[in-house]
Amino acid sequence: MTEDYGTATWRYWQKIRNDAGARGSFRDRQPMRVRARLVFDRDGEVWLDGTATRLGFDGAIFVESKDRRVQAIGVWLMPDDVWWEGKAV
């Protein structure tokens, strides 16, 4: 069964198991289009398109996502969970 996750609503929110948690951050470059690996509580692993907007002092990356399963504007992820064009594999 495929659901439309385009519109935000509390009914669809899910805990993100690989959320790195809030942290101190800075902007060191322009926002960048990325693909982010999120592990949802009920739906499991999903790769979503998003925009990386902040970098944590420890290397974590803040990715904004418009998926309605994401309760906030985005999520902090460790670099292994974020892919961008030109990233070394």
PDB file of N, CA and C in Angstrom:
ATOM      1  N   MET A   1       0.842  -1.180   0.000  1.00  0.00           N
ATOM      2  CA  MET A   1       0.000   0.000   0.000  1.00  0.00           C
ATOM      3  C   MET A   1       0.885   1.240   0.000  1.00  0.00           C
ATOM      4  N   THR A   2       0.646   2.130  -0.936  1.00  0.00           N
ATOM      5  CA  THR A   2       1.415   3.360  -1.045  1.00  0.00           C
ATOM      6  C   THR A   2       0.572   4.523  -0.557  1.00  0.00           C
ATOM      7  N   GLU A   3       1.140   5.341   0.316  1.00  0.00           N
ATOM      8  CA  GLU A   3       0.419   6.500   0.827  1.00  0.00           C
ATOM      9  C   GLU A   3       1.031   7.769   0.282  1.00  0.00           C
ATOM     10  N   ASP A   4       0.218   8.809   0.162  1.00  0.00           N
ATOM     11  CA  ASP A   4       0.694  10.119  -0.243  1.00  0.00           C
ATOM     12  C   ASP A   4       1.169  10.842   1.010  1.00  0.00           C
ATOM     13  N   TYR A   5       2.473  11.163   1.079  1.00  0.00           N
ATOM     14  CA  TYR A   5       3.022  11.838   2.252  1.00  0.00           C
ATOM     15  C   TYR A   5       3.290  13.313   1.976  1.00  0.00           C
ATOM     16  N   GLY A   6       2.547  13.923   1.047  1.00  0.00           N
ATOM     17  CA  GLY A   6       2.798  15.299   0.657  1.00  0.00           C
ATOM     18  C   GLY A   6       2.313  16.361   1.627  1.00  0.00           C
ATOM     19  N   THR A   7       1.253  16.119   2.389  1.00  0.00           N
ATOM     20  CA  THR A   7       0.677  17.134   3.266  1.00  0.00           C
ATOM     21  C   THR A   7       0.970  16.811   4.731  1.00  0.00           C
ATOM     22  N   ALA A   8       1.475  17.801   5.459  1.00  0.00           N
ATOM     23  CA  ALA A   8       1.824  17.584   6.871  1.00  0.00           C
ATOM     24  C   ALA A   8       0.576  17.484   7.735  1.00  0.00           C
ATOM     25  N   THR A   9       0.561  16.512   8.612  1.00  0.00           N
ATOM     26  CA  THR A   9      -0.502  16.356   9.587  1.00  0.00           C
ATOM     27  C   THR A   9       0.004  15.421  10.678  1.00  0.00           C
ATOM     28  N   TRP A  10      -0.418  15.641  11.914  1.00  0.00           N
ATOM     29  CA  TRP A  10       0.090  14.855  13.038  1.00  0.00           C
ATOM     30  C   TRP A  10      -0.223  13.374  12.887  1.00  0.00           C
ATOM     31  N   ARG A  11      -1.256  12.998  12.141  1.00  0.00           N
ATOM     32  CA  ARG A  11      -1.614  11.577  11.979  1.00  0.00           C
ATOM     33  C   ARG A  11      -0.519  10.760  11.314  1.00  0.00           C
ATOM     34  N   TYR A  12       0.335  11.408  10.523  1.00  0.00           N
ATOM     35  CA  TYR A  12       1.364  10.689   9.767  1.00  0.00           C
ATOM     36  C   TYR A  12       2.748  10.757  10.411  1.00  0.00           C
ATOM     37  N   TRP A  13       2.908  11.577  11.453  1.00  0.00           N
ATOM     38  CA  TRP A  13       4.215  11.730  12.071  1.00  0.00           C
ATOM     39  C   TRP A  13       4.734  10.387  12.562  1.00  0.00           C
ATOM     40  N   GLN A  14       6.042  10.185  12.361  1.00  0.00           N
ATOM     41  CA  GLN A  14       6.687   8.977  12.850  1.00  0.00           C
ATOM     42  C   GLN A  14       8.019   9.358  13.485  1.00  0.00           C
ATOM     43  N   LYS A  15       8.419   8.608  14.473  1.00  0.00           N
ATOM     44  CA  LYS A  15       9.735   8.793  15.083  1.00  0.00           C
ATOM     45  C   LYS A  15      10.784   8.405  14.042  1.00  0.00           C
ATOM     46  N   ILE A  16      11.856   9.204  13.985  1.00  0.00           N
ATOM     47  CA  ILE A  16      12.967   8.914  13.078  1.00  0.00           C
ATOM     48  C   ILE A  16      14.081   8.301  13.917  1.00  0.00           C
ATOM     49  N   ARG A  17      14.354   7.037  13.691  1.00  0.00           N
ATOM     50  CA  ARG A  17      15.302   6.305  14.538  1.00  0.00           C
ATOM     51  C   ARG A  17      16.759   6.737  14.359  1.00  0.00           C
ATOM     52  N   ASN A  18      17.120   7.270  13.207  1.00  0.00           N
ATOM     53  CA  ASN A  18      18.512   7.691  13.007  1.00  0.00           C
ATOM     54  C   ASN A  18      18.689   9.209  13.138  1.00  0.00           C
ATOM     55  N   ASP A  19      17.746   9.889  13.788  1.00  0.00           N
ATOM     56  CA  ASP A  19      17.857  11.317  14.081  1.00  0.00           C
ATOM     57  C   ASP A  19      19.036  11.522  15.025  1.00  0.00           C
ATOM     58  N   ALA A  20      19.953  12.406  14.655  1.00  0.00           N
ATOM     59  CA  ALA A  20      21.154  12.644  15.460  1.00  0.00           C
ATOM     60  C   ALA A  20      20.898  13.608  16.616  1.00  0.00           C
ATOM     61  N   GLY A  21      19.717  14.222  16.677  1.00  0.00           N
ATOM     62  CA  GLY A  21      19.401  15.140  17.772  1.00  0.00           C
ATOM     63  C   GLY A  21      19.882  16.556  17.514  1.00  0.00           C
ATOM     64  N   ALA A  22      19.264  17.517  18.185  1.00  0.00           N
ATOM     65  CA  ALA A  22      19.613  18.927  18.003  1.00  0.00           C
ATOM     66  C   ALA A  22      21.040  19.191  18.470  1.00  0.00           C
ATOM     67  N   ARG A  23      21.679  20.159  17.828  1.00  0.00           N
ATOM     68  CA  ARG A  23      23.081  20.467  18.156  1.00  0.00           C
ATOM     69  C   ARG A  23      23.434  21.875  17.691  1.00  0.00           C
ATOM     70  N   GLY A  24      24.545  22.378  18.221  1.00  0.00           N
ATOM     71  CA  GLY A  24      25.061  23.663  17.784  1.00  0.00           C
ATOM     72  C   GLY A  24      25.487  23.562  16.335  1.00  0.00           C
ATOM     73  N   SER A  25      25.273  24.642  15.559  1.00  0.00           N
ATOM     74  CA  SER A  25      25.568  24.553  14.135  1.00  0.00           C
ATOM     75  C   SER A  25      25.982  25.895  13.560  1.00  0.00           C
ATOM     76  N   PHE A  26      26.378  25.845  12.288  1.00  0.00           N
ATOM     77  CA  PHE A  26      26.710  27.045  11.541  1.00  0.00           C
ATOM     78  C   PHE A  26      26.432  26.787  10.074  1.00  0.00           C
ATOM     79  N   ARG A  27      26.332  27.874   9.311  1.00  0.00           N
ATOM     80  CA  ARG A  27      26.195  27.756   7.857  1.00  0.00           C
ATOM     81  C   ARG A  27      27.553  28.057   7.252  1.00  0.00           C
ATOM     82  N   ASP A  28      28.076  27.102   6.494  1.00  0.00           N
ATOM     83  CA  ASP A  28      29.379  27.351   5.890  1.00  0.00           C
ATOM     84  C   ASP A  28      29.307  27.353   4.373  1.00  0.00           C
ATOM     85  N   ARG A  29      28.104  27.167   3.820  1.00  0.00           N
ATOM     86  CA  ARG A  29      27.925  27.168   2.370  1.00  0.00           C
ATOM     87  C   ARG A  29      26.452  27.387   2.053  1.00  0.00           C
ATOM     88  N   GLN A  30      26.161  27.555   0.782  1.00  0.00           N
ATOM     89  CA  GLN A  30      24.779  27.700   0.330  1.00  0.00           C
ATOM     90  C   GLN A  30      24.019  26.393   0.554  1.00  0.00           C
ATOM     91  N   PRO A  31      22.695  26.453   0.725  1.00  0.00           N
ATOM     92  CA  PRO A  31      21.905  25.223   0.834  1.00  0.00           C
ATOM     93  C   PRO A  31      22.159  24.325  -0.375  1.00  0.00           C
ATOM     94  N   MET A  32      22.123  23.012  -0.141  1.00  0.00           N
ATOM     95  CA  MET A  32      22.476  22.053  -1.179  1.00  0.00           C
ATOM     96  C   MET A  32      21.425  20.949  -1.259  1.00  0.00           C
ATOM     97  N   ARG A  33      21.052  20.557  -2.476  1.00  0.00           N
ATOM     98  CA  ARG A  33      20.119  19.452  -2.674  1.00  0.00           C
ATOM     99  C   ARG A  33      20.821  18.146  -2.312  1.00  0.00           C
ATOM    100  N   VAL A  34      20.141  17.295  -1.540  1.00  0.00           N
ATOM    101  CA  VAL A  34      20.719  16.029  -1.088  1.00  0.00           C
ATOM    102  C   VAL A  34      19.659  14.927  -1.117  1.00  0.00           C
ATOM    103  N   ARG A  35      20.116  13.689  -0.939  1.00  0.00           N
ATOM    104  CA  ARG A  35      19.234  12.544  -0.667  1.00  0.00           C
ATOM    105  C   ARG A  35      19.595  12.085   0.730  1.00  0.00           C
ATOM    106  N   ALA A  36      18.575  11.912   1.549  1.00  0.00           N
ATOM    107  CA  ALA A  36      18.794  11.570   2.951  1.00  0.00           C
ATOM    108  C   ALA A  36      18.178  10.213   3.272  1.00  0.00           C
ATOM    109  N   ARG A  37      18.906   9.429   4.030  1.00  0.00           N
ATOM    110  CA  ARG A  37      18.422   8.127   4.497  1.00  0.00           C
ATOM    111  C   ARG A  37      17.778   8.327   5.864  1.00  0.00           C
ATOM    112  N   LEU A  38      16.451   8.119   5.924  1.00  0.00           N
ATOM    113  CA  LEU A  38      15.728   8.215   7.183  1.00  0.00           C
ATOM    114  C   LEU A  38      15.203   6.830   7.543  1.00  0.00           C
ATOM    115  N   VAL A  39      15.290   6.495   8.814  1.00  0.00           N
ATOM    116  CA  VAL A  39      14.748   5.221   9.289  1.00  0.00           C
ATOM    117  C   VAL A  39      13.549   5.561  10.165  1.00  0.00           C
ATOM    118  N   PHE A  40      12.350   5.393   9.583  1.00  0.00           N
ATOM    119  CA  PHE A  40      11.111   5.693  10.295  1.00  0.00           C
ATOM    120  C   PHE A  40      10.730   4.536  11.205  1.00  0.00           C
ATOM    121  N   ASP A  41      10.036   4.879  12.280  1.00  0.00           N
ATOM    122  CA  ASP A  41       9.612   3.903  13.273  1.00  0.00           C
ATOM    123  C   ASP A  41       8.732   2.810  12.670  1.00  0.00           C
ATOM    124  N   ARG A  42       7.765   3.185  11.833  1.00  0.00           N
ATOM    125  CA  ARG A  42       6.849   2.199  11.240  1.00  0.00           C
ATOM    126  C   ARG A  42       7.218   1.825   9.809  1.00  0.00           C
ATOM    127  N   ASP A  43       7.693   2.771   9.010  1.00  0.00           N
ATOM    128  CA  ASP A  43       7.947   2.517   7.590  1.00  0.00           C
ATOM    129  C   ASP A  43       9.352   2.012   7.293  1.00  0.00           C
ATOM    130  N   GLY A  44      10.239   2.033   8.279  1.00  0.00           N
ATOM    131  CA  GLY A  44      11.603   1.558   8.065  1.00  0.00           C
ATOM    132  C   GLY A  44      12.438   2.538   7.252  1.00  0.00           C
ATOM    133  N   GLU A  45      13.444   2.016   6.549  1.00  0.00           N
ATOM    134  CA  GLU A  45      14.402   2.845   5.813  1.00  0.00           C
ATOM    135  C   GLU A  45      13.785   3.407   4.542  1.00  0.00           C
ATOM    136  N   VAL A  46      13.952   4.744   4.370  1.00  0.00           N
ATOM    137  CA  VAL A  46      13.443   5.451   3.200  1.00  0.00           C
ATOM    138  C   VAL A  46      14.489   6.483   2.789  1.00  0.00           C
ATOM    139  N   TRP A  47      14.739   6.616   1.487  1.00  0.00           N
ATOM    140  CA  TRP A  47      15.618   7.674   0.972  1.00  0.00           C
ATOM    141  C   TRP A  47      14.734   8.788   0.436  1.00  0.00           C
ATOM    142  N   LEU A  48      14.929  10.024   0.940  1.00  0.00           N
ATOM    143  CA  LEU A  48      14.112  11.167   0.549  1.00  0.00           C
ATOM    144  C   LEU A  48      14.983  12.286   0.002  1.00  0.00           C
ATOM    145  N   ASP A  49      14.436  13.060  -0.928  1.00  0.00           N
ATOM    146  CA  ASP A  49      15.100  14.271  -1.394  1.00  0.00           C
ATOM    147  C   ASP A  49      14.904  15.353  -0.351  1.00  0.00           C
ATOM    148  N   GLY A  50      15.914  16.186  -0.159  1.00  0.00           N
ATOM    149  CA  GLY A  50      15.825  17.274   0.803  1.00  0.00           C
ATOM    150  C   GLY A  50      16.865  18.332   0.497  1.00  0.00           C
ATOM    151  N   THR A  51      16.989  19.281   1.408  1.00  0.00           N
ATOM    152  CA  THR A  51      17.961  20.366   1.266  1.00  0.00           C
ATOM    153  C   THR A  51      18.794  20.455   2.538  1.00  0.00           C
ATOM    154  N   ALA A  52      20.100  20.305   2.403  1.00  0.00           N
ATOM    155  CA  ALA A  52      21.010  20.461   3.537  1.00  0.00           C
ATOM    156  C   ALA A  52      21.226  21.958   3.755  1.00  0.00           C
ATOM    157  N   THR A  53      20.921  22.436   4.961  1.00  0.00           N
ATOM    158  CA  THR A  53      21.011  23.873   5.218  1.00  0.00           C
ATOM    159  C   THR A  53      21.997  24.253   6.317  1.00  0.00           C
ATOM    160  N   ARG A  54      22.361  23.297   7.181  1.00  0.00           N
ATOM    161  CA  ARG A  54      23.260  23.623   8.288  1.00  0.00           C
ATOM    162  C   ARG A  54      24.221  22.475   8.531  1.00  0.00           C
ATOM    163  N   LEU A  55      25.354  22.808   9.108  1.00  0.00           N
ATOM    164  CA  LEU A  55      26.361  21.819   9.457  1.00  0.00           C
ATOM    165  C   LEU A  55      26.643  21.930  10.945  1.00  0.00           C
ATOM    166  N   GLY A  56      26.547  20.816  11.654  1.00  0.00           N
ATOM    167  CA  GLY A  56      26.826  20.806  13.085  1.00  0.00           C
ATOM    168  C   GLY A  56      28.319  20.867  13.337  1.00  0.00           C
ATOM    169  N   PHE A  57      28.710  21.353  14.485  1.00  0.00           N
ATOM    170  CA  PHE A  57      30.126  21.440  14.831  1.00  0.00           C
ATOM    171  C   PHE A  57      30.783  20.060  14.870  1.00  0.00           C
ATOM    172  N   ASP A  58      29.979  19.008  15.039  1.00  0.00           N
ATOM    173  CA  ASP A  58      30.503  17.640  15.060  1.00  0.00           C
ATOM    174  C   ASP A  58      30.385  16.941  13.708  1.00  0.00           C
ATOM    175  N   GLY A  59      29.947  17.657  12.659  1.00  0.00           N
ATOM    176  CA  GLY A  59      29.841  17.078  11.325  1.00  0.00           C
ATOM    177  C   GLY A  59      28.446  16.646  10.924  1.00  0.00           C
ATOM    178  N   ALA A  60      27.491  16.650  11.866  1.00  0.00           N
ATOM    179  CA  ALA A  60      26.117  16.286  11.522  1.00  0.00           C
ATOM    180  C   ALA A  60      25.557  17.317  10.534  1.00  0.00           C
ATOM    181  N   ILE A  61      24.582  16.889   9.731  1.00  0.00           N
ATOM    182  CA  ILE A  61      24.015  17.729   8.683  1.00  0.00           C
ATOM    183  C   ILE A  61      22.520  17.879   8.928  1.00  0.00           C
ATOM    184  N   PHE A  62      22.017  19.139   8.883  1.00  0.00           N
ATOM    185  CA  PHE A  62      20.584  19.369   9.019  1.00  0.00           C
ATOM    186  C   PHE A  62      19.960  19.338   7.637  1.00  0.00           C
ATOM    187  N   VAL A  63      19.002  18.426   7.448  1.00  0.00           N
ATOM    188  CA  VAL A  63      18.337  18.259   6.159  1.00  0.00           C
ATOM    189  C   VAL A  63      16.868  18.636   6.317  1.00  0.00           C
ATOM    190  N   GLU A  64      16.440  19.636   5.555  1.00  0.00           N
ATOM    191  CA  GLU A  64      15.032  20.017   5.536  1.00  0.00           C
ATOM    192  C   GLU A  64      14.294  19.058   4.620  1.00  0.00           C
ATOM    193  N   SER A  65      13.113  18.610   5.061  1.00  0.00           N
ATOM    194  CA  SER A  65      12.320  17.662   4.290  1.00  0.00           C
ATOM    195  C   SER A  65      10.853  18.070   4.329  1.00  0.00           C
ATOM    196  N   LYS A  66      10.170  17.883   3.217  1.00  0.00           N
ATOM    197  CA  LYS A  66       8.748  18.216   3.154  1.00  0.00           C
ATOM    198  C   LYS A  66       7.870  16.970   3.287  1.00  0.00           C
ATOM    199  N   ASP A  67       8.431  15.865   3.714  1.00  0.00           N
ATOM    200  CA  ASP A  67       7.675  14.629   3.907  1.00  0.00           C
ATOM    201  C   ASP A  67       6.815  14.766   5.160  1.00  0.00           C
ATOM    202  N   ARG A  68       5.555  14.431   5.084  1.00  0.00           N
ATOM    203  CA  ARG A  68       4.672  14.658   6.230  1.00  0.00           C
ATOM    204  C   ARG A  68       4.901  13.706   7.388  1.00  0.00           C
ATOM    205  N   ARG A  69       5.729  12.696   7.215  1.00  0.00           N
ATOM    206  CA  ARG A  69       6.074  11.833   8.349  1.00  0.00           C
ATOM    207  C   ARG A  69       7.053  12.527   9.288  1.00  0.00           C
ATOM    208  N   VAL A  70       7.750  13.553   8.783  1.00  0.00           N
ATOM    209  CA  VAL A  70       8.738  14.304   9.571  1.00  0.00           C
ATOM    210  C   VAL A  70       7.997  15.401  10.331  1.00  0.00           C
ATOM    211  N   GLN A  71       8.029  15.334  11.663  1.00  0.00           N
ATOM    212  CA  GLN A  71       7.261  16.245  12.503  1.00  0.00           C
ATOM    213  C   GLN A  71       7.768  17.688  12.426  1.00  0.00           C
ATOM    214  N   ALA A  72       9.060  17.883  12.334  1.00  0.00           N
ATOM    215  CA  ALA A  72       9.648  19.223  12.317  1.00  0.00           C
ATOM    216  C   ALA A  72       9.967  19.628  10.873  1.00  0.00           C
ATOM    217  N   ILE A  73      10.625  20.774  10.707  1.00  0.00           N
ATOM    218  CA  ILE A  73      10.994  21.247   9.381  1.00  0.00           C
ATOM    219  C   ILE A  73      12.080  20.366   8.746  1.00  0.00           C
ATOM    220  N   GLY A  74      12.806  19.642   9.576  1.00  0.00           N
ATOM    221  CA  GLY A  74      13.866  18.782   9.065  1.00  0.00           C
ATOM    222  C   GLY A  74      14.430  17.915  10.174  1.00  0.00           C
ATOM    223  N   VAL A  75      15.585  17.328   9.888  1.00  0.00           N
ATOM    224  CA  VAL A  75      16.181  16.374  10.824  1.00  0.00           C
ATOM    225  C   VAL A  75      17.705  16.460  10.745  1.00  0.00           C
ATOM    226  N   TRP A  76      18.361  16.280  11.894  1.00  0.00           N
ATOM    227  CA  TRP A  76      19.816  16.206  11.944  1.00  0.00           C
ATOM    228  C   TRP A  76      20.228  14.761  11.665  1.00  0.00           C
ATOM    229  N   LEU A  77      21.138  14.577  10.711  1.00  0.00           N
ATOM    230  CA  LEU A  77      21.619  13.247  10.357  1.00  0.00           C
ATOM    231  C   LEU A  77      23.135  13.229  10.336  1.00  0.00           C
ATOM    232  N   MET A  78      23.701  12.066  10.589  1.00  0.00           N
ATOM    233  CA  MET A  78      25.148  11.912  10.476  1.00  0.00           C
ATOM    234  C   MET A  78      25.506  11.851   8.985  1.00  0.00           C
ATOM    235  N   PRO A  79      26.722  12.232   8.610  1.00  0.00           N
ATOM    236  CA  PRO A  79      27.109  12.305   7.193  1.00  0.00           C
ATOM    237  C   PRO A  79      26.913  11.003   6.409  1.00  0.00           C
ATOM    238  N   ASP A  80      27.018   9.847   7.049  1.00  0.00           N
ATOM    239  CA  ASP A  80      26.812   8.579   6.336  1.00  0.00           C
ATOM    240  C   ASP A  80      25.377   8.405   5.854  1.00  0.00           C
ATOM    241  N   ASP A  81      24.430   9.172   6.412  1.00  0.00           N
ATOM    242  CA  ASP A  81      23.025   9.070   6.028  1.00  0.00           C
ATOM    243  C   ASP A  81      22.613  10.123   5.004  1.00  0.00           C
ATOM    244  N   VAL A  82      23.573  10.877   4.485  1.00  0.00           N
ATOM    245  CA  VAL A  82      23.278  11.948   3.527  1.00  0.00           C
ATOM    246  C   VAL A  82      24.165  11.782   2.299  1.00  0.00           C
ATOM    247  N   TRP A  83      23.558  11.859   1.099  1.00  0.00           N
ATOM    248  CA  TRP A  83      24.313  11.757  -0.147  1.00  0.00           C
ATOM    249  C   TRP A  83      24.061  12.998  -0.979  1.00  0.00           C
ATOM    250  N   TRP A  84      25.105  13.497  -1.621  1.00  0.00           N
ATOM    251  CA  TRP A  84      24.986  14.633  -2.523  1.00  0.00           C
ATOM    252  C   TRP A  84      25.883  14.369  -3.718  1.00  0.00           C
ATOM    253  N   GLU A  85      25.577  15.038  -4.835  1.00  0.00           N
ATOM    254  CA  GLU A  85      26.356  14.851  -6.060  1.00  0.00           C
ATOM    255  C   GLU A  85      27.802  15.266  -5.802  1.00  0.00           C
ATOM    256  N   GLY A  86      28.716  14.390  -6.153  1.00  0.00           N
ATOM    257  CA  GLY A  86      30.130  14.640  -5.955  1.00  0.00           C
ATOM    258  C   GLY A  86      30.691  14.072  -4.670  1.00  0.00           C
ATOM    259  N   LYS A  87      29.836  13.522  -3.811  1.00  0.00           N
ATOM    260  CA  LYS A  87      30.310  12.941  -2.553  1.00  0.00           C
ATOM    261  C   LYS A  87      31.084  11.668  -2.846  1.00  0.00           C
ATOM    262  N   ALA A  88      32.243  11.537  -2.231  1.00  0.00           N
ATOM    263  CA  ALA A  88      33.045  10.322  -2.388  1.00  0.00           C
ATOM    264  C   ALA A  88      32.305   9.141  -1.754  1.00  0.00           C
ATOM    265  N   VAL A  89      32.295   8.024  -2.445  1.00  0.00           N
ATOM    266  CA  VAL A  89      31.572   6.851  -1.956  1.00  0.00           C
ATOM    267  C   VAL A  89      32.494   5.921  -1.219  1.00  0.00           C
TER     268      VAL A  89
END
